[in-house]
Amino acid sequence: MEQRLTMIANEAKTDGRIMIRLESYASNGGSSALNLGLSEQTLQMVRGRLVELGIAPRRLILASFGDEHRTEGDRHRQWVEIYLIRPGQ
Protein backbone atom coordinates (compact mmCIF):
# COMPACT_ATOMS: atom_id res chain seq x y z
CA MET A 1 0.00 0.00 0.00
CA GLU A 2 2.79 2.43 0.87
CA GLN A 3 4.37 2.25 -2.57
CA ARG A 4 1.03 2.88 -4.33
CA LEU A 5 0.15 5.80 -2.09
CA THR A 6 3.56 7.34 -2.75
CA MET A 7 3.05 6.95 -6.51
CA ILE A 8 -0.41 8.53 -6.28
CA ALA A 9 0.87 11.43 -4.17
CA ASN A 10 3.75 12.04 -6.58
CA GLU A 11 1.36 12.03 -9.55
CA ALA A 12 -0.97 14.48 -7.80
CA LYS A 13 1.96 16.77 -7.01
CA THR A 14 2.66 17.20 -10.74
CA ASP A 15 -0.43 19.41 -11.02
CA GLY A 16 -1.86 21.25 -8.02
CA ARG A 17 -5.30 21.21 -9.65
CA ILE A 18 -5.60 17.41 -9.47
CA MET A 19 -8.13 16.28 -6.87
CA ILE A 20 -8.08 12.84 -5.27
CA ARG A 21 -11.34 11.02 -4.52
CA LEU A 22 -11.12 8.30 -1.89
CA GLU A 23 -14.00 5.83 -1.74
CA SER A 24 -13.87 3.44 1.19
CA TYR A 25 -15.89 0.23 1.29
CA ALA A 26 -16.62 -2.33 3.97
CA SER A 27 -18.41 -5.40 2.77
CA ASN A 28 -21.57 -6.92 4.20
CA GLY A 29 -21.23 -9.19 7.18
CA GLY A 30 -22.06 -6.92 10.09
CA SER A 31 -24.49 -4.16 10.91
CA SER A 32 -24.63 -1.12 8.65
CA ALA A 33 -23.28 1.05 11.46
CA LEU A 34 -20.34 -1.30 12.03
CA ASN A 35 -19.56 -1.46 8.32
CA LEU A 36 -19.71 2.32 7.96
CA GLY A 37 -17.43 2.69 10.99
CA LEU A 38 -14.90 0.26 9.54
CA SER A 39 -15.12 1.99 6.19
CA GLU A 40 -14.56 5.42 7.74
CA GLN A 41 -11.60 4.16 9.80
CA THR A 42 -9.89 2.78 6.69
CA LEU A 43 -10.66 5.96 4.77
CA GLN A 44 -9.12 8.18 7.43
CA MET A 45 -5.97 6.05 7.54
CA VAL A 46 -5.41 6.46 3.79
CA ARG A 47 -6.31 10.16 3.93
CA GLY A 48 -3.84 10.70 6.75
CA ARG A 49 -1.03 9.03 4.86
CA LEU A 50 -1.67 11.11 1.72
CA VAL A 51 -1.56 14.27 3.84
CA GLU A 52 1.75 13.09 5.33
CA LEU A 53 3.01 12.63 1.77
CA GLY A 54 2.30 16.29 1.03
CA ILE A 55 -1.23 16.33 -0.38
CA ALA A 56 -3.30 19.23 0.96
CA PRO A 57 -6.47 18.05 2.73
CA ARG A 58 -8.57 20.40 0.54
CA ARG A 59 -7.58 18.26 -2.48
CA LEU A 60 -9.07 15.10 -0.98
CA ILE A 61 -12.70 14.15 -1.54
CA LEU A 62 -13.93 11.43 0.83
CA ALA A 63 -16.81 8.95 0.54
CA SER A 64 -17.57 5.98 2.82
CA PHE A 65 -19.79 3.05 1.91
CA GLY A 66 -20.74 0.35 4.39
CA ASP A 67 -22.92 -2.15 2.58
CA GLU A 68 -21.10 -2.68 -0.69
CA HIS A 69 -19.37 -5.77 -2.01
CA ARG A 70 -18.61 -7.06 -5.45
CA THR A 71 -18.23 -10.78 -4.94
CA GLU A 72 -18.76 -13.34 -2.24
CA GLY A 73 -15.00 -13.28 -1.58
CA ASP A 74 -15.19 -9.61 -0.61
CA ARG A 75 -17.62 -10.19 2.24
CA HIS A 76 -15.12 -9.58 5.06
CA ARG A 77 -12.84 -6.99 3.57
CA GLN A 78 -12.37 -3.25 3.68
CA TRP A 79 -10.80 -1.42 0.78
CA VAL A 80 -10.29 2.06 -0.63
CA GLU A 81 -10.62 2.97 -4.28
CA ILE A 82 -8.59 6.00 -5.33
CA TYR A 83 -9.40 8.22 -8.28
CA LEU A 84 -7.30 11.09 -9.62
CA ILE A 85 -9.59 13.78 -10.97
CA ARG A 86 -7.75 15.86 -13.51
CA PRO A 87 -8.90 19.35 -14.52
CA GLY A 88 -10.90 19.46 -17.73
CA GLN A 89 -11.73 15.75 -17.71
C-alpha atoms as a PDB file:
ATOM      1  CA  MET A   1       0.000   0.000   0.000  1.00  0.00           C
ATOM      2  CA  GLU A   2       2.789   2.425   0.868  1.00  0.00           C
ATOM      3  CA  GLN A   3       4.367   2.249  -2.574  1.00  0.00           C
ATOM      4  CA  ARG A   4       1.035   2.884  -4.328  1.00  0.00           C
ATOM      5  CA  LEU A   5       0.150   5.799  -2.085  1.00  0.00           C
ATOM      6  CA  THR A   6       3.563   7.335  -2.746  1.00  0.00           C
ATOM      7  CA  MET A   7       3.046   6.946  -6.513  1.00  0.00           C
ATOM      8  CA  ILE A   8      -0.413   8.528  -6.281  1.00  0.00           C
ATOM      9  CA  ALA A   9       0.871  11.429  -4.171  1.00  0.00           C
ATOM     10  CA  ASN A  10       3.747  12.036  -6.581  1.00  0.00           C
ATOM     11  CA  GLU A  11       1.365  12.033  -9.554  1.00  0.00           C
ATOM     12  CA  ALA A  12      -0.973  14.481  -7.803  1.00  0.00           C
ATOM     13  CA  LYS A  13       1.963  16.770  -7.008  1.00  0.00           C
ATOM     14  CA  THR A  14       2.665  17.196 -10.739  1.00  0.00           C
ATOM     15  CA  ASP A  15      -0.434  19.406 -11.024  1.00  0.00           C
ATOM     16  CA  GLY A  16      -1.859  21.252  -8.023  1.00  0.00           C
ATOM     17  CA  ARG A  17      -5.301  21.207  -9.652  1.00  0.00           C
ATOM     18  CA  ILE A  18      -5.604  17.410  -9.474  1.00  0.00           C
ATOM     19  CA  MET A  19      -8.132  16.282  -6.873  1.00  0.00           C
ATOM     20  CA  ILE A  20      -8.081  12.840  -5.266  1.00  0.00           C
ATOM     21  CA  ARG A  21     -11.335  11.025  -4.520  1.00  0.00           C
ATOM     22  CA  LEU A  22     -11.120   8.297  -1.891  1.00  0.00           C
ATOM     23  CA  GLU A  23     -14.003   5.831  -1.735  1.00  0.00           C
ATOM     24  CA  SER A  24     -13.870   3.442   1.192  1.00  0.00           C
ATOM     25  CA  TYR A  25     -15.887   0.228   1.290  1.00  0.00           C
ATOM     26  CA  ALA A  26     -16.619  -2.333   3.970  1.00  0.00           C
ATOM     27  CA  SER A  27     -18.410  -5.399   2.772  1.00  0.00           C
ATOM     28  CA  ASN A  28     -21.568  -6.923   4.204  1.00  0.00           C
ATOM     29  CA  GLY A  29     -21.230  -9.186   7.179  1.00  0.00           C
ATOM     30  CA  GLY A  30     -22.062  -6.921  10.095  1.00  0.00           C
ATOM     31  CA  SER A  31     -24.485  -4.163  10.908  1.00  0.00           C
ATOM     32  CA  SER A  32     -24.634  -1.120   8.646  1.00  0.00           C
ATOM     33  CA  ALA A  33     -23.283   1.048  11.464  1.00  0.00           C
ATOM     34  CA  LEU A  34     -20.337  -1.298  12.031  1.00  0.00           C
ATOM     35  CA  ASN A  35     -19.556  -1.461   8.316  1.00  0.00           C
ATOM     36  CA  LEU A  36     -19.706   2.319   7.964  1.00  0.00           C
ATOM     37  CA  GLY A  37     -17.429   2.694  10.988  1.00  0.00           C
ATOM     38  CA  LEU A  38     -14.897   0.257   9.542  1.00  0.00           C
ATOM     39  CA  SER A  39     -15.116   1.988   6.192  1.00  0.00           C
ATOM     40  CA  GLU A  40     -14.560   5.416   7.740  1.00  0.00           C
ATOM     41  CA  GLN A  41     -11.603   4.162   9.798  1.00  0.00           C
ATOM     42  CA  THR A  42      -9.886   2.776   6.691  1.00  0.00           C
ATOM     43  CA  LEU A  43     -10.664   5.960   4.770  1.00  0.00           C
ATOM     44  CA  GLN A  44      -9.124   8.183   7.435  1.00  0.00           C
ATOM     45  CA  MET A  45      -5.972   6.048   7.536  1.00  0.00           C
ATOM     46  CA  VAL A  46      -5.414   6.457   3.788  1.00  0.00           C
ATOM     47  CA  ARG A  47      -6.315  10.161   3.927  1.00  0.00           C
ATOM     48  CA  GLY A  48      -3.835  10.704   6.750  1.00  0.00           C
ATOM     49  CA  ARG A  49      -1.030   9.031   4.861  1.00  0.00           C
ATOM     50  CA  LEU A  50      -1.665  11.105   1.723  1.00  0.00           C
ATOM     51  CA  VAL A  51      -1.564  14.273   3.844  1.00  0.00           C
ATOM     52  CA  GLU A  52       1.745  13.090   5.333  1.00  0.00           C
ATOM     53  CA  LEU A  53       3.015  12.626   1.773  1.00  0.00           C
ATOM     54  CA  GLY A  54       2.303  16.287   1.031  1.00  0.00           C
ATOM     55  CA  ILE A  55      -1.229  16.331  -0.377  1.00  0.00           C
ATOM     56  CA  ALA A  56      -3.298  19.234   0.962  1.00  0.00           C
ATOM     57  CA  PRO A  57      -6.473  18.046   2.726  1.00  0.00           C
ATOM     58  CA  ARG A  58      -8.570  20.401   0.537  1.00  0.00           C
ATOM     59  CA  ARG A  59      -7.578  18.263  -2.480  1.00  0.00           C
ATOM     60  CA  LEU A  60      -9.069  15.097  -0.981  1.00  0.00           C
ATOM     61  CA  ILE A  61     -12.705  14.150  -1.541  1.00  0.00           C
ATOM     62  CA  LEU A  62     -13.933  11.429   0.831  1.00  0.00           C
ATOM     63  CA  ALA A  63     -16.807   8.954   0.545  1.00  0.00           C
ATOM     64  CA  SER A  64     -17.575   5.980   2.817  1.00  0.00           C
ATOM     65  CA  PHE A  65     -19.788   3.052   1.913  1.00  0.00           C
ATOM     66  CA  GLY A  66     -20.741   0.352   4.387  1.00  0.00           C
ATOM     67  CA  ASP A  67     -22.924  -2.151   2.576  1.00  0.00           C
ATOM     68  CA  GLU A  68     -21.104  -2.681  -0.690  1.00  0.00           C
ATOM     69  CA  HIS A  69     -19.374  -5.765  -2.009  1.00  0.00           C
ATOM     70  CA  ARG A  70     -18.607  -7.058  -5.451  1.00  0.00           C
ATOM     71  CA  THR A  71     -18.226 -10.776  -4.945  1.00  0.00           C
ATOM     72  CA  GLU A  72     -18.758 -13.341  -2.236  1.00  0.00           C
ATOM     73  CA  GLY A  73     -14.995 -13.284  -1.581  1.00  0.00           C
ATOM     74  CA  ASP A  74     -15.185  -9.610  -0.614  1.00  0.00           C
ATOM     75  CA  ARG A  75     -17.621 -10.189   2.239  1.00  0.00           C
ATOM     76  CA  HIS A  76     -15.119  -9.578   5.057  1.00  0.00           C
ATOM     77  CA  ARG A  77     -12.835  -6.985   3.574  1.00  0.00           C
ATOM     78  CA  GLN A  78     -12.372  -3.254   3.679  1.00  0.00           C
ATOM     79  CA  TRP A  79     -10.803  -1.424   0.784  1.00  0.00           C
ATOM     80  CA  VAL A  80     -10.286   2.059  -0.628  1.00  0.00           C
ATOM     81  CA  GLU A  81     -10.616   2.965  -4.275  1.00  0.00           C
ATOM     82  CA  ILE A  82      -8.591   5.998  -5.327  1.00  0.00           C
ATOM     83  CA  TYR A  83      -9.399   8.218  -8.281  1.00  0.00           C
ATOM     84  CA  LEU A  84      -7.302  11.086  -9.622  1.00  0.00           C
ATOM     85  CA  ILE A  85      -9.591  13.783 -10.966  1.00  0.00           C
ATOM     86  CA  ARG A  86      -7.753  15.862 -13.508  1.00  0.00           C
ATOM     87  CA  PRO A  87      -8.902  19.347 -14.516  1.00  0.00           C
ATOM     88  CA  GLY A  88     -10.903  19.458 -17.731  1.00  0.00           C
ATOM     89  CA  GLN A  89     -11.732  15.749 -17.714  1.00  0.00           C
END
